[in-house]
Amino acid sequence: LLVNKETPANSWDEFVALAKTEPGKLVH
């Protein structure tokens, strides 16, 4: 799972937290 540099998530836990804060906003 890759994320771009501008996405404020540097770990899986941070990615999940970000996705839960903004449901449906993160583009896969």
Full PDB file with SEQRES, HELIX, SHEET, SSBOND, CRYST1, ORIGX, SCALE, CONECT and MASTER records, all heavy atoms in Angstrom:
SEQRES   1 A   28  LEU LEU VAL ASN LYS GLU THR PRO ALA ASN SER TRP ASP          
SEQRES   2 A   28  GLU PHE VAL ALA LEU ALA LYS THR GLU PRO GLY LYS LEU          
SEQRES   3 A   28  VAL HIS                                                      
HELIX    1 AA1 TRP A   12  THR A   21  1                                  10    
CRYST1    1.000    1.000    1.000  90.00  90.00  90.00 P 1           1          
ORIGX1      1.000000  0.000000  0.000000        0.00000                         
ORIGX2      0.000000  1.000000  0.000000        0.00000                         
ORIGX3      0.000000  0.000000  1.000000        0.00000                         
SCALE1      1.000000  0.000000  0.000000        0.00000                         
SCALE2      0.000000  1.000000  0.000000        0.00000                         
SCALE3      0.000000  0.000000  1.000000        0.00000                         
ATOM      1  N   LEU A   1       0.859  -1.183   0.000  1.00  0.00           N  
ATOM      2  CA  LEU A   1       0.000   0.000   0.000  1.00  0.00           C  
ATOM      3  C   LEU A   1       0.893   1.230   0.000  1.00  0.00           C  
ATOM      4  O   LEU A   1       1.662   1.457   0.939  1.00  0.00           O  
ATOM      5  CB  LEU A   1      -0.907   0.005   1.235  1.00  0.00           C  
ATOM      6  CG  LEU A   1      -1.735   1.280   1.468  1.00  0.00           C  
ATOM      7  CD1 LEU A   1      -2.664   1.567   0.285  1.00  0.00           C  
ATOM      8  CD2 LEU A   1      -2.543   1.165   2.763  1.00  0.00           C  
ATOM      9  N   LEU A   2       0.795   2.011  -1.082  1.00  0.00           N  
ATOM     10  CA  LEU A   2       1.566   3.235  -1.220  1.00  0.00           C  
ATOM     11  C   LEU A   2       0.670   4.444  -1.053  1.00  0.00           C  
ATOM     12  O   LEU A   2      -0.479   4.442  -1.510  1.00  0.00           O  
ATOM     13  CB  LEU A   2       2.215   3.310  -2.610  1.00  0.00           C  
ATOM     14  CG  LEU A   2       3.282   2.287  -2.972  1.00  0.00           C  
ATOM     15  CD1 LEU A   2       3.787   2.557  -4.391  1.00  0.00           C  
ATOM     16  CD2 LEU A   2       4.440   2.321  -1.991  1.00  0.00           C  
ATOM     17  N   VAL A   3       1.185   5.485  -0.419  1.00  0.00           N  
ATOM     18  CA  VAL A   3       0.480   6.764  -0.351  1.00  0.00           C  
ATOM     19  C   VAL A   3       1.437   7.852  -0.840  1.00  0.00           C  
ATOM     20  O   VAL A   3       2.667   7.704  -0.773  1.00  0.00           O  
ATOM     21  CB  VAL A   3      -0.014   7.095   1.074  1.00  0.00           C  
ATOM     22  CG1 VAL A   3      -0.982   6.036   1.563  1.00  0.00           C  
ATOM     23  CG2 VAL A   3       1.163   7.219   2.045  1.00  0.00           C  
ATOM     24  N   ASN A   4       0.882   8.949  -1.352  1.00  0.00           N  
ATOM     25  CA  ASN A   4       1.756  10.007  -1.850  1.00  0.00           C  
ATOM     26  C   ASN A   4       2.305  10.849  -0.696  1.00  0.00           C  
ATOM     27  O   ASN A   4       1.846  10.749   0.449  1.00  0.00           O  
ATOM     28  CB  ASN A   4       1.033  10.872  -2.885  1.00  0.00           C  
ATOM     29  CG  ASN A   4      -0.151  11.611  -2.300  1.00  0.00           C  
ATOM     30  OD1 ASN A   4      -0.042  12.245  -1.252  1.00  0.00           O  
ATOM     31  ND2 ASN A   4      -1.285  11.544  -2.964  1.00  0.00           N  
ATOM     32  N   LYS A   5       3.293  11.649  -1.030  1.00  0.00           N  
ATOM     33  CA  LYS A   5       4.001  12.407  -0.001  1.00  0.00           C  
ATOM     34  C   LYS A   5       3.120  13.435   0.692  1.00  0.00           C  
ATOM     35  O   LYS A   5       3.378  13.809   1.846  1.00  0.00           O  
ATOM     36  CB  LYS A   5       5.217  13.108  -0.617  1.00  0.00           C  
ATOM     37  CG  LYS A   5       6.294  12.187  -1.109  1.00  0.00           C  
ATOM     38  CD  LYS A   5       7.558  12.939  -1.467  1.00  0.00           C  
ATOM     39  CE  LYS A   5       7.322  13.951  -2.563  1.00  0.00           C  
ATOM     40  NZ  LYS A   5       8.587  14.673  -2.939  1.00  0.00           N  
ATOM     41  N   GLU A   6       2.099  13.927  -0.017  1.00  0.00           N  
ATOM     42  CA  GLU A   6       1.260  14.981   0.545  1.00  0.00           C  
ATOM     43  C   GLU A   6       0.200  14.457   1.510  1.00  0.00           C  
ATOM     44  O   GLU A   6      -0.395  15.228   2.263  1.00  0.00           O  
ATOM     45  CB  GLU A   6       0.569  15.743  -0.589  1.00  0.00           C  
ATOM     46  CG  GLU A   6       1.514  16.326  -1.626  1.00  0.00           C  
ATOM     47  CD  GLU A   6       2.533  17.262  -1.016  1.00  0.00           C  
ATOM     48  OE1 GLU A   6       2.156  18.045  -0.120  1.00  0.00           O  
ATOM     49  OE2 GLU A   6       3.711  17.213  -1.429  1.00  0.00           O  
ATOM     50  N   THR A   7      -0.043  13.155   1.491  1.00  0.00           N  
ATOM     51  CA  THR A   7      -1.063  12.580   2.381  1.00  0.00           C  
ATOM     52  C   THR A   7      -0.511  12.512   3.802  1.00  0.00           C  
ATOM     53  O   THR A   7       0.549  11.914   4.029  1.00  0.00           O  
ATOM     54  CB  THR A   7      -1.451  11.162   1.908  1.00  0.00           C  
ATOM     55  OG1 THR A   7      -1.947  11.244   0.569  1.00  0.00           O  
ATOM     56  CG2 THR A   7      -2.513  10.564   2.802  1.00  0.00           C  
ATOM     57  N   PRO A   8      -1.182  13.125   4.787  1.00  0.00           N  
ATOM     58  CA  PRO A   8      -0.664  13.181   6.154  1.00  0.00           C  
ATOM     59  C   PRO A   8      -0.843  11.868   6.919  1.00  0.00           C  
ATOM     60  O   PRO A   8      -1.525  11.808   7.946  1.00  0.00           O  
ATOM     61  CB  PRO A   8      -1.468  14.316   6.778  1.00  0.00           C  
ATOM     62  CG  PRO A   8      -2.773  14.288   6.058  1.00  0.00           C  
ATOM     63  CD  PRO A   8      -2.435  13.888   4.637  1.00  0.00           C  
ATOM     64  N   ALA A   9      -0.236  10.813   6.370  1.00  0.00           N  
ATOM     65  CA  ALA A   9      -0.265   9.502   7.036  1.00  0.00           C  
ATOM     66  C   ALA A   9       1.053   8.810   6.742  1.00  0.00           C  
ATOM     67  O   ALA A   9       1.404   8.602   5.572  1.00  0.00           O  
ATOM     68  CB  ALA A   9      -1.434   8.667   6.528  1.00  0.00           C  
ATOM     69  N   ASN A  10       1.784   8.475   7.785  1.00  0.00           N  
ATOM     70  CA  ASN A  10       3.087   7.830   7.629  1.00  0.00           C  
ATOM     71  C   ASN A  10       3.101   6.407   8.149  1.00  0.00           C  
ATOM     72  O   ASN A  10       4.160   5.769   8.173  1.00  0.00           O  
ATOM     73  CB  ASN A  10       4.161   8.656   8.341  1.00  0.00           C  
ATOM     74  CG  ASN A  10       4.303  10.039   7.747  1.00  0.00           C  
ATOM     75  OD1 ASN A  10       4.535  10.189   6.550  1.00  0.00           O  
ATOM     76  ND2 ASN A  10       4.153  11.069   8.579  1.00  0.00           N  
ATOM     77  N   SER A  11       1.946   5.910   8.551  1.00  0.00           N  
ATOM     78  CA  SER A  11       1.847   4.542   9.059  1.00  0.00           C  
ATOM     79  C   SER A  11       0.442   4.032   8.771  1.00  0.00           C  
ATOM     80  O   SER A  11      -0.461   4.805   8.409  1.00  0.00           O  
ATOM     81  CB  SER A  11       2.115   4.497  10.566  1.00  0.00           C  
ATOM     82  OG  SER A  11       1.066   5.153  11.277  1.00  0.00           O  
ATOM     83  N   TRP A  12       0.258   2.730   8.937  1.00  0.00           N  
ATOM     84  CA  TRP A  12      -1.063   2.146   8.718  1.00  0.00           C  
ATOM     85  C   TRP A  12      -2.085   2.727   9.692  1.00  0.00           C  
ATOM     86  O   TRP A  12      -3.197   3.074   9.309  1.00  0.00           O  
ATOM     87  CB  TRP A  12      -0.993   0.630   8.855  1.00  0.00           C  
ATOM     88  CG  TRP A  12      -2.329  -0.050   8.888  1.00  0.00           C  
ATOM     89  CD1 TRP A  12      -2.877  -0.747   9.918  1.00  0.00           C  
ATOM     90  CD2 TRP A  12      -3.303  -0.091   7.828  1.00  0.00           C  
ATOM     91  NE1 TRP A  12      -4.125  -1.231   9.575  1.00  0.00           N  
ATOM     92  CE2 TRP A  12      -4.411  -0.834   8.298  1.00  0.00           C  
ATOM     93  CE3 TRP A  12      -3.355   0.438   6.541  1.00  0.00           C  
ATOM     94  CZ2 TRP A  12      -5.545  -1.063   7.532  1.00  0.00           C  
ATOM     95  CZ3 TRP A  12      -4.477   0.203   5.760  1.00  0.00           C  
ATOM     96  CH2 TRP A  12      -5.572  -0.536   6.256  1.00  0.00           C  
ATOM     97  N   ASP A  13      -1.727   2.850  10.952  1.00  0.00           N  
ATOM     98  CA  ASP A  13      -2.655   3.397  11.939  1.00  0.00           C  
ATOM     99  C   ASP A  13      -3.054   4.831  11.592  1.00  0.00           C  
ATOM    100  O   ASP A  13      -4.229   5.212  11.730  1.00  0.00           O  
ATOM    101  CB  ASP A  13      -2.033   3.347  13.344  1.00  0.00           C  
ATOM    102  CG  ASP A  13      -1.971   1.926  13.904  1.00  0.00           C  
ATOM    103  OD1 ASP A  13      -2.760   1.071  13.444  1.00  0.00           O  
ATOM    104  OD2 ASP A  13      -1.133   1.675  14.789  1.00  0.00           O  
ATOM    105  N   GLU A  14      -2.083   5.628  11.144  1.00  0.00           N  
ATOM    106  CA  GLU A  14      -2.390   7.006  10.765  1.00  0.00           C  
ATOM    107  C   GLU A  14      -3.264   7.045   9.517  1.00  0.00           C  
ATOM    108  O   GLU A  14      -4.148   7.901   9.395  1.00  0.00           O  
ATOM    109  CB  GLU A  14      -1.096   7.784  10.533  1.00  0.00           C  
ATOM    110  CG  GLU A  14      -0.306   8.054  11.810  1.00  0.00           C  
ATOM    111  CD  GLU A  14       0.978   8.806  11.541  1.00  0.00           C  
ATOM    112  OE1 GLU A  14       1.253   9.145  10.361  1.00  0.00           O  
ATOM    113  OE2 GLU A  14       1.728   9.075  12.506  1.00  0.00           O  
ATOM    114  N   PHE A  15      -3.041   6.129   8.597  1.00  0.00           N  
ATOM    115  CA  PHE A  15      -3.848   6.064   7.383  1.00  0.00           C  
ATOM    116  C   PHE A  15      -5.296   5.733   7.720  1.00  0.00           C  
ATOM    117  O   PHE A  15      -6.228   6.359   7.206  1.00  0.00           O  
ATOM    118  CB  PHE A  15      -3.270   5.013   6.429  1.00  0.00           C  
ATOM    119  CG  PHE A  15      -4.006   4.885   5.128  1.00  0.00           C  
ATOM    120  CD1 PHE A  15      -3.759   5.753   4.077  1.00  0.00           C  
ATOM    121  CD2 PHE A  15      -4.956   3.888   4.948  1.00  0.00           C  
ATOM    122  CE1 PHE A  15      -4.434   5.636   2.867  1.00  0.00           C  
ATOM    123  CE2 PHE A  15      -5.643   3.758   3.746  1.00  0.00           C  
ATOM    124  CZ  PHE A  15      -5.375   4.637   2.702  1.00  0.00           C  
ATOM    125  N   VAL A  16      -5.489   4.752   8.602  1.00  0.00           N  
ATOM    126  CA  VAL A  16      -6.844   4.366   9.013  1.00  0.00           C  
ATOM    127  C   VAL A  16      -7.536   5.531   9.717  1.00  0.00           C  
ATOM    128  O   VAL A  16      -8.709   5.832   9.448  1.00  0.00           O  
ATOM    129  CB  VAL A  16      -6.800   3.123   9.925  1.00  0.00           C  
ATOM    130  CG1 VAL A  16      -8.177   2.835  10.516  1.00  0.00           C  
ATOM    131  CG2 VAL A  16      -6.306   1.914   9.135  1.00  0.00           C  
ATOM    132  N   ALA A  17      -6.809   6.195  10.610  1.00  0.00           N  
ATOM    133  CA  ALA A  17      -7.390   7.326  11.333  1.00  0.00           C  
ATOM    134  C   ALA A  17      -7.801   8.439  10.371  1.00  0.00           C  
ATOM    135  O   ALA A  17      -8.877   9.038  10.523  1.00  0.00           O  
ATOM    136  CB  ALA A  17      -6.381   7.856  12.363  1.00  0.00           C  
ATOM    137  N   LEU A  18      -6.959   8.722   9.385  1.00  0.00           N  
ATOM    138  CA  LEU A  18      -7.266   9.751   8.398  1.00  0.00           C  
ATOM    139  C   LEU A  18      -8.491   9.366   7.571  1.00  0.00           C  
ATOM    140  O   LEU A  18      -9.377  10.192   7.324  1.00  0.00           O  
ATOM    141  CB  LEU A  18      -6.061   9.964   7.480  1.00  0.00           C  
ATOM    142  CG  LEU A  18      -6.219  11.018   6.379  1.00  0.00           C  
ATOM    143  CD1 LEU A  18      -6.435  12.405   6.990  1.00  0.00           C  
ATOM    144  CD2 LEU A  18      -4.986  11.018   5.467  1.00  0.00           C  
ATOM    145  N   ALA A  19      -8.545   8.090   7.160  1.00  0.00           N  
ATOM    146  CA  ALA A  19      -9.684   7.623   6.354  1.00  0.00           C  
ATOM    147  C   ALA A  19     -10.984   7.695   7.133  1.00  0.00           C  
ATOM    148  O   ALA A  19     -12.047   7.975   6.566  1.00  0.00           O  
ATOM    149  CB  ALA A  19      -9.420   6.205   5.872  1.00  0.00           C  
ATOM    150  N   LYS A  20     -10.927   7.428   8.419  1.00  0.00           N  
ATOM    151  CA  LYS A  20     -12.136   7.493   9.245  1.00  0.00           C  
ATOM    152  C   LYS A  20     -12.569   8.941   9.479  1.00  0.00           C  
ATOM    153  O   LYS A  20     -13.769   9.216   9.633  1.00  0.00           O  
ATOM    154  CB  LYS A  20     -11.894   6.781  10.581  1.00  0.00           C  
ATOM    155  CG  LYS A  20     -11.828   5.255  10.458  1.00  0.00           C  
ATOM    156  CD  LYS A  20     -11.676   4.584  11.799  1.00  0.00           C  
ATOM    157  CE  LYS A  20     -11.728   3.070  11.659  1.00  0.00           C  
ATOM    158  NZ  LYS A  20     -11.564   2.379  12.968  1.00  0.00           N  
ATOM    159  N   THR A  21     -11.609   9.842   9.521  1.00  0.00           N  
ATOM    160  CA  THR A  21     -11.933  11.261   9.698  1.00  0.00           C  
ATOM    161  C   THR A  21     -12.617  11.828   8.455  1.00  0.00           C  
ATOM    162  O   THR A  21     -13.511  12.669   8.548  1.00  0.00           O  
ATOM    163  CB  THR A  21     -10.647  12.062   9.987  1.00  0.00           C  
ATOM    164  OG1 THR A  21     -10.032  11.549  11.168  1.00  0.00           O  
ATOM    165  CG2 THR A  21     -10.962  13.539  10.189  1.00  0.00           C  
ATOM    166  N   GLU A  22     -12.182  11.320   7.267  1.00  0.00           N  
ATOM    167  CA  GLU A  22     -12.714  11.830   6.003  1.00  0.00           C  
ATOM    168  C   GLU A  22     -13.220  10.660   5.146  1.00  0.00           C  
ATOM    169  O   GLU A  22     -12.601  10.310   4.131  1.00  0.00           O  
ATOM    170  CB  GLU A  22     -11.633  12.606   5.257  1.00  0.00           C  
ATOM    171  CG  GLU A  22     -11.056  13.771   6.065  1.00  0.00           C  
ATOM    172  CD  GLU A  22      -9.906  14.460   5.350  1.00  0.00           C  
ATOM    173  OE1 GLU A  22      -9.167  13.773   4.628  1.00  0.00           O  
ATOM    174  OE2 GLU A  22      -9.753  15.675   5.511  1.00  0.00           O  
ATOM    175  N   PRO A  23     -14.340  10.027   5.524  1.00  0.00           N  
ATOM    176  CA  PRO A  23     -14.840   8.859   4.788  1.00  0.00           C  
ATOM    177  C   PRO A  23     -15.080   9.158   3.309  1.00  0.00           C  
ATOM    178  O   PRO A  23     -15.721  10.158   2.964  1.00  0.00           O  
ATOM    179  CB  PRO A  23     -16.165   8.537   5.498  1.00  0.00           C  
ATOM    180  CG  PRO A  23     -16.026   9.145   6.852  1.00  0.00           C  
ATOM    181  CD  PRO A  23     -15.209  10.380   6.659  1.00  0.00           C  
ATOM    182  N   GLY A  24     -14.528   8.304   2.446  1.00  0.00           N  
ATOM    183  CA  GLY A  24     -14.742   8.437   1.012  1.00  0.00           C  
ATOM    184  C   GLY A  24     -13.921   9.510   0.333  1.00  0.00           C  
ATOM    185  O   GLY A  24     -14.062   9.706  -0.881  1.00  0.00           O  
ATOM    186  N   LYS A  25     -13.068  10.208   1.060  1.00  0.00           N  
ATOM    187  CA  LYS A  25     -12.293  11.291   0.450  1.00  0.00           C  
ATOM    188  C   LYS A  25     -10.977  10.799  -0.134  1.00  0.00           C  
ATOM    189  O   LYS A  25     -10.520  11.297  -1.168  1.00  0.00           O  
ATOM    190  CB  LYS A  25     -12.016  12.395   1.475  1.00  0.00           C  
ATOM    191  CG  LYS A  25     -11.314  13.606   0.865  1.00  0.00           C  
ATOM    192  CD  LYS A  25     -11.146  14.737   1.872  1.00  0.00           C  
ATOM    193  CE  LYS A  25     -10.437  15.932   1.247  1.00  0.00           C  
ATOM    194  NZ  LYS A  25     -10.277  17.058   2.194  1.00  0.00           N  
ATOM    195  N   LEU A  26     -10.338   9.824   0.509  1.00  0.00           N  
ATOM    196  CA  LEU A  26      -9.056   9.318   0.019  1.00  0.00           C  
ATOM    197  C   LEU A  26      -9.283   8.515  -1.261  1.00  0.00           C  
ATOM    198  O   LEU A  26     -10.019   7.530  -1.273  1.00  0.00           O  
ATOM    199  CB  LEU A  26      -8.377   8.447   1.070  1.00  0.00           C  
ATOM    200  CG  LEU A  26      -7.991   9.135   2.386  1.00  0.00           C  
ATOM    201  CD1 LEU A  26      -7.297   8.149   3.313  1.00  0.00           C  
ATOM    202  CD2 LEU A  26      -7.086  10.334   2.115  1.00  0.00           C  
ATOM    203  N   VAL A  27      -8.635   8.937  -2.337  1.00  0.00           N  
ATOM    204  CA  VAL A  27      -8.802   8.279  -3.640  1.00  0.00           C  
ATOM    205  C   VAL A  27      -7.841   7.108  -3.765  1.00  0.00           C  
ATOM    206  O   VAL A  27      -6.617   7.265  -3.636  1.00  0.00           O  
ATOM    207  CB  VAL A  27      -8.574   9.278  -4.791  1.00  0.00           C  
ATOM    208  CG1 VAL A  27      -8.607   8.549  -6.140  1.00  0.00           C  
ATOM    209  CG2 VAL A  27      -9.629  10.372  -4.756  1.00  0.00           C  
ATOM    210  N   HIS A  28      -8.405   5.944  -4.015  1.00  0.00           N  
ATOM    211  CA  HIS A  28      -7.626   4.736  -4.299  1.00  0.00           C  
ATOM    212  C   HIS A  28      -7.511   4.617  -5.810  1.00  0.00           C  
ATOM    213  O   HIS A  28      -8.488   4.332  -6.495  1.00  0.00           O  
ATOM    214  CB  HIS A  28      -8.321   3.509  -3.685  1.00  0.00           C  
ATOM    215  CG  HIS A  28      -7.803   2.201  -4.210  1.00  0.00           C  
ATOM    216  ND1 HIS A  28      -8.586   1.063  -4.270  1.00  0.00           N  
ATOM    217  CD2 HIS A  28      -6.594   1.834  -4.701  1.00  0.00           C  
ATOM    218  CE1 HIS A  28      -7.894   0.068  -4.766  1.00  0.00           C  
ATOM    219  NE2 HIS A  28      -6.686   0.506  -5.044  1.00  0.00           N  
TER     220      HIS A  28                                                      
MASTER        0    0    0    1    0    0    0    6  219    1    0    3          
END                                                                             
